[in-house]
């Protein structure tokens, strides 16, 4: 019986489509908020006051929170990958890999969006640096089929089945 939902993939094209959807939707929110902040505060010859003024210690607390949440997503991903490797069927391995990848991309995206919103509201440069760092982190971890095969430690026969358009069992 085929599993339904976002993580229920049975072919390579479904896997690539869903992993790309997860990645690009995760990277778009922080990027959009960052550009809104840039548009608001980087206008030439025009100073715009921020919506909120917060103390410096709170800015640094937000910076630590955002980086901590991003690295928590990566740690949760690393913790879930052995469970994906231990699955018997290729379909189950890939489904568990997609679930693990959701932590890897959504938690950094959440913290990047939070920092982007903070930058838009306060104009603090530290929050802009956090957003740029998280976007860079996400771009460096861009998912590919080759990386998925390496992470899952697939054997040669599994790699050939994974790359084909046959339905996985």
Protein backbone atom coordinates (compact mmCIF):
# COMPACT_ATOMS: atom_id res chain seq x y z
CA UNK A 1 0.00 0.00 0.00
CA UNK A 2 1.40 3.38 -1.02
CA UNK A 3 1.86 5.92 1.77
CA UNK A 4 0.18 9.26 1.14
CA UNK A 5 1.30 12.72 2.18
CA UNK A 6 4.36 14.85 1.58
CA UNK A 7 6.88 12.23 2.74
CA UNK A 8 5.27 9.26 0.95
CA UNK A 9 7.43 9.03 -2.17
CA UNK A 10 7.74 5.97 -4.40
CA UNK A 11 9.74 7.27 -7.41
CA UNK A 12 12.89 9.30 -7.99
CA UNK A 13 11.06 12.20 -9.65
CA UNK A 14 8.71 12.50 -6.64
CA UNK A 15 11.69 12.51 -4.30
CA UNK A 16 13.56 15.21 -6.20
CA UNK A 17 10.42 17.34 -6.54
CA UNK A 18 9.58 17.16 -2.83
CA UNK A 19 13.14 17.71 -1.66
CA UNK A 20 13.47 20.75 -3.95
CA UNK A 21 10.11 22.07 -2.74
CA UNK A 22 11.24 21.70 0.86
CA UNK A 23 14.56 23.42 0.18
CA UNK A 24 13.33 26.34 -1.92
CA UNK A 25 10.34 27.08 0.29
CA UNK A 26 12.68 27.05 3.30
CA UNK A 27 15.13 29.47 1.76
CA UNK A 28 12.54 31.87 0.32
CA UNK A 29 11.03 33.22 3.56
CA UNK A 30 14.29 34.48 5.15
CA UNK A 31 15.43 35.84 1.79
CA UNK A 32 12.21 37.80 1.22
CA UNK A 33 12.24 39.27 4.75
CA UNK A 34 15.91 40.18 4.37
CA UNK A 35 15.20 42.06 1.13
CA UNK A 36 12.28 43.88 2.75
CA UNK A 37 14.65 44.96 5.52
CA UNK A 38 17.27 46.06 3.01
CA UNK A 39 14.67 48.04 1.10
CA UNK A 40 13.55 49.74 4.27
CA UNK A 41 16.91 50.69 5.79
CA UNK A 42 19.36 50.94 2.91
CA UNK A 43 17.73 53.72 0.91
CA UNK A 44 20.24 56.36 -0.16
CA UNK A 45 20.02 59.79 1.50
CA UNK A 46 16.98 58.80 3.53
CA UNK A 47 16.96 57.72 7.17
CA UNK A 48 13.94 55.75 8.31
CA UNK A 49 13.49 55.12 11.99
CA UNK A 50 12.93 51.52 13.10
CA UNK A 51 9.51 50.29 14.23
CA UNK A 52 10.91 49.05 17.55
CA UNK A 53 14.01 49.98 19.51
CA UNK A 54 15.35 47.15 21.64
CA UNK A 55 18.34 47.01 23.99
CA UNK A 56 21.66 45.69 22.73
CA UNK A 57 21.61 42.67 25.07
CA UNK A 58 18.29 41.55 23.61
CA UNK A 59 19.69 41.79 20.08
CA UNK A 60 22.55 39.48 21.04
CA UNK A 61 20.12 37.12 22.76
CA UNK A 62 18.12 36.92 19.53
CA UNK A 63 21.32 36.29 17.56
CA UNK A 64 22.24 33.39 19.86
CA UNK A 65 18.68 32.03 19.68
CA UNK A 66 18.67 32.11 15.87
CA UNK A 67 22.05 30.41 15.49
CA UNK A 68 21.13 27.87 18.18
CA UNK A 69 17.88 26.97 16.44
CA UNK A 70 19.70 26.57 13.12
CA UNK A 71 22.30 24.24 14.56
CA UNK A 72 19.59 22.33 16.43
CA UNK A 73 17.98 21.56 13.07
CA UNK A 74 21.28 20.19 11.77
CA UNK A 75 21.81 18.12 14.93
CA UNK A 76 18.29 16.67 14.69
CA UNK A 77 18.99 15.79 11.06
CA UNK A 78 22.22 14.01 12.02
CA UNK A 79 20.35 12.16 14.77
CA UNK A 80 17.60 10.95 12.39
CA UNK A 81 19.85 9.79 9.52
CA UNK A 82 20.95 6.51 11.23
CA UNK A 83 17.26 5.60 11.54
CA UNK A 84 16.83 6.18 7.81
CA UNK A 85 19.90 4.06 7.00
CA UNK A 86 18.61 1.16 9.09
CA UNK A 87 15.40 0.75 7.10
CA UNK A 88 15.05 -2.36 4.94
CA UNK A 89 13.17 -1.06 1.91
CA UNK A 90 14.46 1.76 -0.27
CA UNK A 91 11.08 3.51 -0.10
CA UNK A 92 11.25 3.59 3.70
CA UNK A 93 14.85 4.83 3.64
CA UNK A 94 13.88 7.70 1.36
CA UNK A 95 10.78 8.58 3.38
CA UNK A 96 12.80 8.71 6.60
CA UNK A 97 15.46 10.74 4.81
CA UNK A 98 12.83 13.30 3.73
CA UNK A 99 11.55 13.58 7.29
CA UNK A 100 15.10 14.09 8.58
CA UNK A 101 15.73 16.68 5.85
CA UNK A 102 12.69 18.63 6.98
CA UNK A 103 14.52 19.36 10.25
CA UNK A 104 17.67 20.32 8.37
CA UNK A 105 15.88 22.96 6.29
CA UNK A 106 12.85 24.18 8.25
CA UNK A 107 14.48 24.99 11.60
CA UNK A 108 17.20 27.16 10.04
CA UNK A 109 14.52 28.72 7.80
CA UNK A 110 12.40 29.51 10.85
CA UNK A 111 15.29 31.16 12.66
CA UNK A 112 16.32 33.01 9.49
CA UNK A 113 12.77 34.28 9.06
CA UNK A 114 12.70 35.34 12.69
CA UNK A 115 16.00 37.21 12.26
CA UNK A 116 14.76 38.73 8.98
CA UNK A 117 11.62 39.98 10.67
CA UNK A 118 13.75 41.32 13.52
CA UNK A 119 15.97 43.13 11.04
CA UNK A 120 12.94 44.62 9.30
CA UNK A 121 11.45 45.79 12.61
CA UNK A 122 14.62 47.08 14.31
CA UNK A 123 17.19 47.77 11.61
CA UNK A 124 19.91 46.06 13.68
CA UNK A 125 22.86 45.07 11.50
CA UNK A 126 23.60 42.03 13.66
CA UNK A 127 20.26 40.49 12.66
CA UNK A 128 21.01 41.14 8.98
CA UNK A 129 24.30 39.26 9.39
CA UNK A 130 22.41 36.37 11.00
CA UNK A 131 19.99 36.19 8.07
CA UNK A 132 22.85 36.23 5.53
CA UNK A 133 24.70 33.54 7.49
CA UNK A 134 21.67 31.27 7.66
CA UNK A 135 20.92 31.72 3.97
CA UNK A 136 24.56 30.84 3.22
CA UNK A 137 24.28 27.78 5.48
CA UNK A 138 21.14 26.65 3.64
CA UNK A 139 22.66 27.21 0.20
CA UNK A 140 25.76 25.20 1.14
CA UNK A 141 23.48 22.32 2.15
CA UNK A 142 21.47 22.32 -1.06
CA UNK A 143 20.03 18.82 -1.55
CA UNK A 144 20.93 16.63 -4.51
CA UNK A 145 20.27 12.99 -5.34
CA UNK A 146 23.98 12.25 -5.10
CA UNK A 147 24.15 13.67 -1.57
CA UNK A 148 21.08 11.64 -0.60
CA UNK A 149 22.69 8.41 -1.85
CA UNK A 150 25.86 9.23 0.10
CA UNK A 151 23.96 10.11 3.29
CA UNK A 152 21.87 6.94 3.10
CA UNK A 153 24.92 4.76 2.26
CA UNK A 154 23.05 3.09 -0.59
CA UNK A 155 24.55 0.01 -2.27
CA UNK A 156 25.02 -0.22 -6.05
CA UNK A 157 21.72 -2.03 -6.70
CA UNK A 158 19.86 0.47 -4.51
CA UNK A 159 21.51 3.39 -6.32
CA UNK A 160 20.43 2.04 -9.70
CA UNK A 161 16.86 1.51 -8.44
CA UNK A 162 16.91 4.94 -6.77
CA UNK A 163 18.00 6.66 -9.99
CA UNK A 164 15.49 4.85 -12.18
CA UNK A 165 11.87 5.90 -12.62
CA UNK A 166 10.59 2.54 -11.41
CA UNK A 167 8.29 2.45 -8.40
CA UNK A 168 10.29 1.57 -5.28
CA UNK A 169 9.15 -1.31 -3.14
